[in-house]
Amino acid sequence: MPVERDPFDSLFATIASTVDPMSDDGAFVRSLFAARRLGKGEFYQRAGEITTHGGFVVRGCLRTVAVDADGVE
């Protein structure tokens, strides 16, 4: 069974050149994020919803889909 890693490890590895995770700035950045798991077929955000947050993918991928007025992707 794989060992669960702290999702913030990947975030701080990406921004390590600008934010030290052990500093007050690191604590502030950590306070801005909440770990969230999405299952297959779940939506992070739907069209028409007001954007109130951003995201950082730790593992897996997200698909962006745009559909025109005729329903074509």
C-alpha atoms as a PDB file:
ATOM      1  CA  MET A   1       0.000   0.000   0.000  1.00  0.00           C
ATOM      2  CA  PRO A   2       1.522   3.391  -1.016  1.00  0.00           C
ATOM      3  CA  VAL A   3       2.369   5.899   1.688  1.00  0.00           C
ATOM      4  CA  GLU A   4       0.185   9.017   1.626  1.00  0.00           C
ATOM      5  CA  ARG A   5       2.254  12.150   1.116  1.00  0.00           C
ATOM      6  CA  ASP A   6       1.275  15.551   2.362  1.00  0.00           C
ATOM      7  CA  PRO A   7      -0.337  17.251  -0.666  1.00  0.00           C
ATOM      8  CA  PHE A   8       1.470  20.429   0.328  1.00  0.00           C
ATOM      9  CA  ASP A   9       4.836  18.754  -0.396  1.00  0.00           C
ATOM     10  CA  SER A  10       4.149  18.995  -4.134  1.00  0.00           C
ATOM     11  CA  LEU A  11       2.908  22.561  -3.879  1.00  0.00           C
ATOM     12  CA  PHE A  12       5.977  23.740  -1.988  1.00  0.00           C
ATOM     13  CA  ALA A  13       8.311  21.784  -4.290  1.00  0.00           C
ATOM     14  CA  THR A  14       6.850  23.805  -7.152  1.00  0.00           C
ATOM     15  CA  ILE A  15       7.124  27.196  -5.439  1.00  0.00           C
ATOM     16  CA  ALA A  16      10.245  26.486  -3.370  1.00  0.00           C
ATOM     17  CA  SER A  17      12.299  29.155  -5.105  1.00  0.00           C
ATOM     18  CA  THR A  18       9.927  31.830  -3.821  1.00  0.00           C
ATOM     19  CA  VAL A  19       8.426  30.522  -0.571  1.00  0.00           C
ATOM     20  CA  ASP A  20      10.123  28.655   2.272  1.00  0.00           C
ATOM     21  CA  PRO A  21       7.533  26.204   3.670  1.00  0.00           C
ATOM     22  CA  MET A  22       8.943  26.630   7.183  1.00  0.00           C
ATOM     23  CA  SER A  23       8.609  30.440   7.162  1.00  0.00           C
ATOM     24  CA  ASP A  24       5.662  32.633   8.089  1.00  0.00           C
ATOM     25  CA  ASP A  25       5.049  33.044   4.356  1.00  0.00           C
ATOM     26  CA  GLY A  26       4.892  29.262   4.015  1.00  0.00           C
ATOM     27  CA  ALA A  27       2.347  29.063   6.819  1.00  0.00           C
ATOM     28  CA  PHE A  28       0.307  31.762   5.089  1.00  0.00           C
ATOM     29  CA  VAL A  29       0.382  29.914   1.747  1.00  0.00           C
ATOM     30  CA  ARG A  30      -0.638  26.685   3.501  1.00  0.00           C
ATOM     31  CA  SER A  31      -3.601  28.503   5.095  1.00  0.00           C
ATOM     32  CA  LEU A  32      -4.882  29.475   1.641  1.00  0.00           C
ATOM     33  CA  PHE A  33      -5.214  25.882   0.407  1.00  0.00           C
ATOM     34  CA  ALA A  34      -7.421  22.977   1.431  1.00  0.00           C
ATOM     35  CA  ALA A  35      -6.704  19.454   0.235  1.00  0.00           C
ATOM     36  CA  ARG A  36      -9.552  18.108  -1.842  1.00  0.00           C
ATOM     37  CA  ARG A  37      -9.933  14.823  -3.725  1.00  0.00           C
ATOM     38  CA  LEU A  38     -11.981  14.563  -6.874  1.00  0.00           C
ATOM     39  CA  GLY A  39     -13.133  11.225  -8.134  1.00  0.00           C
ATOM     40  CA  LYS A  40     -13.520  10.222 -11.760  1.00  0.00           C
ATOM     41  CA  GLY A  41     -16.371  12.173 -13.318  1.00  0.00           C
ATOM     42  CA  GLU A  42     -16.493  14.822 -10.582  1.00  0.00           C
ATOM     43  CA  PHE A  43     -16.297  18.488 -11.485  1.00  0.00           C
ATOM     44  CA  TYR A  44     -13.923  21.010  -9.984  1.00  0.00           C
ATOM     45  CA  GLN A  45     -16.026  23.843 -11.361  1.00  0.00           C
ATOM     46  CA  ARG A  46     -18.936  24.056 -13.789  1.00  0.00           C
ATOM     47  CA  ALA A  47     -19.661  26.673 -16.424  1.00  0.00           C
ATOM     48  CA  GLY A  48     -21.515  29.651 -15.022  1.00  0.00           C
ATOM     49  CA  GLU A  49     -20.232  29.238 -11.475  1.00  0.00           C
ATOM     50  CA  ILE A  50     -18.448  32.223  -9.993  1.00  0.00           C
ATOM     51  CA  THR A  51     -14.784  31.408  -9.466  1.00  0.00           C
ATOM     52  CA  THR A  52     -13.888  31.752  -5.796  1.00  0.00           C
ATOM     53  CA  HIS A  53     -10.751  29.606  -5.693  1.00  0.00           C
ATOM     54  CA  GLY A  54      -7.933  28.142  -7.716  1.00  0.00           C
ATOM     55  CA  GLY A  55      -6.414  24.706  -7.682  1.00  0.00           C
ATOM     56  CA  PHE A  56      -3.171  22.792  -7.723  1.00  0.00           C
ATOM     57  CA  VAL A  57      -3.140  19.228  -9.035  1.00  0.00           C
ATOM     58  CA  VAL A  58      -0.927  16.954  -6.927  1.00  0.00           C
ATOM     59  CA  ARG A  59      -1.603  13.672  -8.708  1.00  0.00           C
ATOM     60  CA  GLY A  60      -3.603  12.819 -11.789  1.00  0.00           C
ATOM     61  CA  CYS A  61      -4.982  15.361 -14.222  1.00  0.00           C
ATOM     62  CA  LEU A  62      -7.955  17.583 -14.878  1.00  0.00           C
ATOM     63  CA  ARG A  63      -9.670  18.016 -18.210  1.00  0.00           C
ATOM     64  CA  THR A  64     -10.930  21.388 -19.400  1.00  0.00           C
ATOM     65  CA  VAL A  65     -13.929  21.268 -21.696  1.00  0.00           C
ATOM     66  CA  ALA A  66     -15.619  24.094 -23.575  1.00  0.00           C
ATOM     67  CA  VAL A  67     -18.947  23.529 -25.275  1.00  0.00           C
ATOM     68  CA  ASP A  68     -20.283  25.963 -27.888  1.00  0.00           C
ATOM     69  CA  ALA A  69     -23.903  27.043 -28.390  1.00  0.00           C
ATOM     70  CA  ASP A  70     -24.480  23.998 -30.621  1.00  0.00           C
ATOM     71  CA  GLY A  71     -23.309  21.629 -27.912  1.00  0.00           C
ATOM     72  CA  VAL A  72     -20.037  20.791 -29.656  1.00  0.00           C
ATOM     73  CA  GLU A  73     -16.896  20.355 -27.539  1.00  0.00           C
END
